[in-house]
Amino acid sequence: MNRLEKLRNDVYSFAELDTLEKNAKKLSDLETLDLIAVSRLSKTAKGEQPQKEKDSEGDETPPSRRSRRRKA
């Protein structure tokens, strides 16, 4: 199965779609960019959600009150 077929069948995860989008923008590949947009919309319609992005320190949860006091 090639890349375009995988895009049509929603095989890629949101993270993989981000990578494909970066590459397609560099190459000005309009067909791939269109398929990525459709794939994201269909994944969202199916109820899938992208993973939460980590903040600059790599933590997924906000720091506790105690650790915020230590930093200051």
N, C-alpha and C. Protein backbone atom coordinates (compact mmCIF):
# COMPACT_ATOMS: atom_id res chain seq x y z
N MET A 1 0.85 -1.17 0.00
CA MET A 1 0.00 0.00 0.00
C MET A 1 0.90 1.24 0.00
N ASN A 2 0.68 2.14 -0.95
CA ASN A 2 1.54 3.32 -1.00
C ASN A 2 0.99 4.45 -0.14
N ARG A 3 1.73 5.52 -0.10
CA ARG A 3 1.42 6.65 0.78
C ARG A 3 0.04 7.25 0.50
N LEU A 4 -0.31 7.42 -0.76
CA LEU A 4 -1.59 8.03 -1.11
C LEU A 4 -2.76 7.13 -0.72
N GLU A 5 -2.60 5.82 -0.91
CA GLU A 5 -3.65 4.88 -0.50
C GLU A 5 -3.82 4.90 1.01
N LYS A 6 -2.72 4.97 1.75
CA LYS A 6 -2.79 5.02 3.20
C LYS A 6 -3.50 6.28 3.66
N LEU A 7 -3.24 7.41 2.99
CA LEU A 7 -3.92 8.66 3.34
C LEU A 7 -5.41 8.54 3.08
N ARG A 8 -5.78 7.92 1.99
CA ARG A 8 -7.21 7.76 1.66
C ARG A 8 -7.91 6.84 2.66
N ASN A 9 -7.18 5.90 3.23
CA ASN A 9 -7.77 4.92 4.16
C ASN A 9 -7.57 5.28 5.62
N ASP A 10 -7.09 6.48 5.92
CA ASP A 10 -6.89 6.95 7.30
C ASP A 10 -6.00 6.03 8.13
N VAL A 11 -4.91 5.59 7.55
CA VAL A 11 -3.99 4.69 8.25
C VAL A 11 -3.06 5.46 9.19
N TYR A 12 -2.70 6.68 8.81
CA TYR A 12 -1.71 7.45 9.56
C TYR A 12 -2.31 8.09 10.83
N SER A 13 -1.48 8.19 11.86
CA SER A 13 -1.87 8.88 13.09
C SER A 13 -1.73 10.39 12.88
N PHE A 14 -2.22 11.16 13.85
CA PHE A 14 -2.12 12.61 13.74
C PHE A 14 -0.66 13.06 13.71
N ALA A 15 0.19 12.42 14.48
CA ALA A 15 1.61 12.78 14.49
C ALA A 15 2.25 12.50 13.14
N GLU A 16 1.90 11.36 12.55
CA GLU A 16 2.44 11.03 11.23
C GLU A 16 1.91 12.00 10.17
N LEU A 17 0.65 12.42 10.32
CA LEU A 17 0.09 13.40 9.38
C LEU A 17 0.83 14.72 9.46
N ASP A 18 1.24 15.12 10.67
CA ASP A 18 2.02 16.35 10.83
C ASP A 18 3.34 16.26 10.06
N THR A 19 4.01 15.12 10.18
CA THR A 19 5.28 14.92 9.48
C THR A 19 5.08 14.92 7.97
N LEU A 20 4.04 14.22 7.52
CA LEU A 20 3.76 14.19 6.09
C LEU A 20 3.43 15.58 5.56
N GLU A 21 2.72 16.36 6.37
CA GLU A 21 2.36 17.71 5.96
C GLU A 21 3.60 18.59 5.79
N LYS A 22 4.53 18.49 6.73
CA LYS A 22 5.77 19.26 6.63
C LYS A 22 6.52 18.91 5.34
N ASN A 23 6.62 17.62 5.05
CA ASN A 23 7.33 17.19 3.85
C ASN A 23 6.60 17.63 2.59
N ALA A 24 5.27 17.52 2.59
CA ALA A 24 4.49 17.90 1.41
C ALA A 24 4.58 19.40 1.16
N LYS A 25 4.65 20.20 2.22
CA LYS A 25 4.79 21.64 2.04
C LYS A 25 6.13 21.97 1.42
N LYS A 26 7.19 21.28 1.86
CA LYS A 26 8.52 21.51 1.29
C LYS A 26 8.54 21.20 -0.21
N LEU A 27 7.80 20.14 -0.58
CA LEU A 27 7.79 19.69 -1.97
C LEU A 27 6.67 20.33 -2.79
N SER A 28 5.83 21.14 -2.14
CA SER A 28 4.67 21.76 -2.79
C SER A 28 3.77 20.71 -3.42
N ASP A 29 3.53 19.63 -2.69
CA ASP A 29 2.69 18.53 -3.17
C ASP A 29 1.24 18.79 -2.76
N LEU A 30 0.49 19.41 -3.66
CA LEU A 30 -0.88 19.82 -3.36
C LEU A 30 -1.82 18.63 -3.17
N GLU A 31 -1.62 17.56 -3.92
CA GLU A 31 -2.48 16.38 -3.79
C GLU A 31 -2.36 15.78 -2.39
N THR A 32 -1.14 15.64 -1.92
CA THR A 32 -0.91 15.09 -0.59
C THR A 32 -1.48 16.01 0.48
N LEU A 33 -1.29 17.32 0.33
CA LEU A 33 -1.82 18.27 1.31
C LEU A 33 -3.35 18.18 1.38
N ASP A 34 -4.00 18.02 0.24
CA ASP A 34 -5.46 17.88 0.23
C ASP A 34 -5.88 16.59 0.93
N LEU A 35 -5.17 15.51 0.66
CA LEU A 35 -5.51 14.23 1.29
C LEU A 35 -5.27 14.27 2.80
N ILE A 36 -4.25 14.97 3.24
CA ILE A 36 -3.97 15.11 4.67
C ILE A 36 -5.11 15.85 5.35
N ALA A 37 -5.59 16.92 4.72
CA ALA A 37 -6.70 17.69 5.28
C ALA A 37 -7.95 16.83 5.39
N VAL A 38 -8.24 16.06 4.35
CA VAL A 38 -9.41 15.18 4.36
C VAL A 38 -9.25 14.10 5.43
N SER A 39 -8.06 13.55 5.55
CA SER A 39 -7.80 12.51 6.54
C SER A 39 -7.99 13.03 7.96
N ARG A 40 -7.49 14.24 8.23
CA ARG A 40 -7.68 14.84 9.56
C ARG A 40 -9.15 15.04 9.87
N LEU A 41 -9.89 15.55 8.90
CA LEU A 41 -11.32 15.78 9.11
C LEU A 41 -12.07 14.47 9.36
N SER A 42 -11.74 13.44 8.61
CA SER A 42 -12.44 12.18 8.79
C SER A 42 -12.08 11.53 10.12
N LYS A 43 -10.82 11.66 10.55
CA LYS A 43 -10.42 11.13 11.86
C LYS A 43 -11.17 11.85 12.97
N THR A 44 -11.28 13.18 12.85
CA THR A 44 -11.99 13.96 13.85
C THR A 44 -13.47 13.59 13.86
N ALA A 45 -14.05 13.38 12.69
CA ALA A 45 -15.46 12.99 12.59
C ALA A 45 -15.70 11.62 13.21
N LYS A 46 -14.71 10.73 13.15
CA LYS A 46 -14.83 9.40 13.74
C LYS A 46 -14.64 9.44 15.25
N GLY A 47 -14.23 10.58 15.78
CA GLY A 47 -14.05 10.71 17.22
C GLY A 47 -12.62 10.61 17.69
N GLU A 48 -11.68 10.41 16.78
CA GLU A 48 -10.27 10.37 17.18
C GLU A 48 -9.80 11.78 17.46
N GLN A 49 -8.90 11.89 18.43
CA GLN A 49 -8.37 13.20 18.77
C GLN A 49 -6.85 13.14 18.80
N PRO A 50 -6.21 14.24 18.39
CA PRO A 50 -4.74 14.24 18.44
C PRO A 50 -4.27 14.21 19.89
N GLN A 51 -3.08 13.65 20.08
CA GLN A 51 -2.51 13.62 21.43
C GLN A 51 -2.20 15.03 21.86
N LYS A 52 -2.31 15.28 23.16
CA LYS A 52 -1.99 16.60 23.68
C LYS A 52 -0.52 16.85 23.50
N GLU A 53 -0.21 18.09 23.10
CA GLU A 53 1.20 18.44 22.92
C GLU A 53 1.82 18.74 24.28
N LYS A 54 3.06 18.37 24.43
CA LYS A 54 3.77 18.63 25.67
C LYS A 54 4.23 20.07 25.69
N ASP A 55 4.34 20.64 26.89
CA ASP A 55 4.83 22.01 26.99
C ASP A 55 6.34 22.04 26.79
N SER A 56 6.95 23.18 26.93
CA SER A 56 8.36 23.35 26.61
C SER A 56 9.28 22.45 27.44
N GLU A 57 8.87 22.10 28.65
CA GLU A 57 9.72 21.26 29.51
C GLU A 57 9.45 19.77 29.29
N GLY A 58 8.43 19.45 28.50
CA GLY A 58 8.12 18.06 28.24
C GLY A 58 7.12 17.47 29.21
N ASP A 59 6.58 18.27 30.11
CA ASP A 59 5.60 17.77 31.06
C ASP A 59 4.21 17.87 30.46
N GLU A 60 3.37 16.85 30.71
CA GLU A 60 2.02 16.88 30.20
C GLU A 60 1.07 17.52 31.20
N THR A 61 1.42 17.51 32.47
CA THR A 61 0.55 18.08 33.48
C THR A 61 1.19 19.34 34.04
N PRO A 62 0.36 20.28 34.46
CA PRO A 62 0.96 21.49 35.03
C PRO A 62 1.68 21.17 36.34
N PRO A 63 2.68 21.94 36.69
CA PRO A 63 3.43 21.66 37.91
C PRO A 63 2.55 21.86 39.15
N SER A 64 2.86 21.12 40.19
CA SER A 64 2.11 21.24 41.43
C SER A 64 2.44 22.57 42.10
N ARG A 65 1.64 22.93 43.06
CA ARG A 65 1.83 24.20 43.77
C ARG A 65 3.21 24.23 44.43
N ARG A 66 3.63 23.10 45.00
CA ARG A 66 4.92 23.05 45.69
C ARG A 66 6.07 23.28 44.71
N SER A 67 6.03 22.65 43.56
CA SER A 67 7.13 22.82 42.61
C SER A 67 7.14 24.20 42.00
N ARG A 68 6.00 24.85 41.87
CA ARG A 68 5.97 26.22 41.38
C ARG A 68 6.63 27.16 42.39
N ARG A 69 6.44 26.89 43.68
CA ARG A 69 7.06 27.72 44.71
C ARG A 69 8.58 27.57 44.71
N ARG A 70 9.06 26.35 44.44
CA ARG A 70 10.51 26.10 44.44
C ARG A 70 11.20 26.83 43.31
N LYS A 71 10.55 26.97 42.17
CA LYS A 71 11.16 27.62 41.01
C LYS A 71 11.31 29.12 41.25
N ALA A 72 10.41 29.72 41.99
CA ALA A 72 10.43 31.18 42.18
C ALA A 72 11.51 31.65 43.09
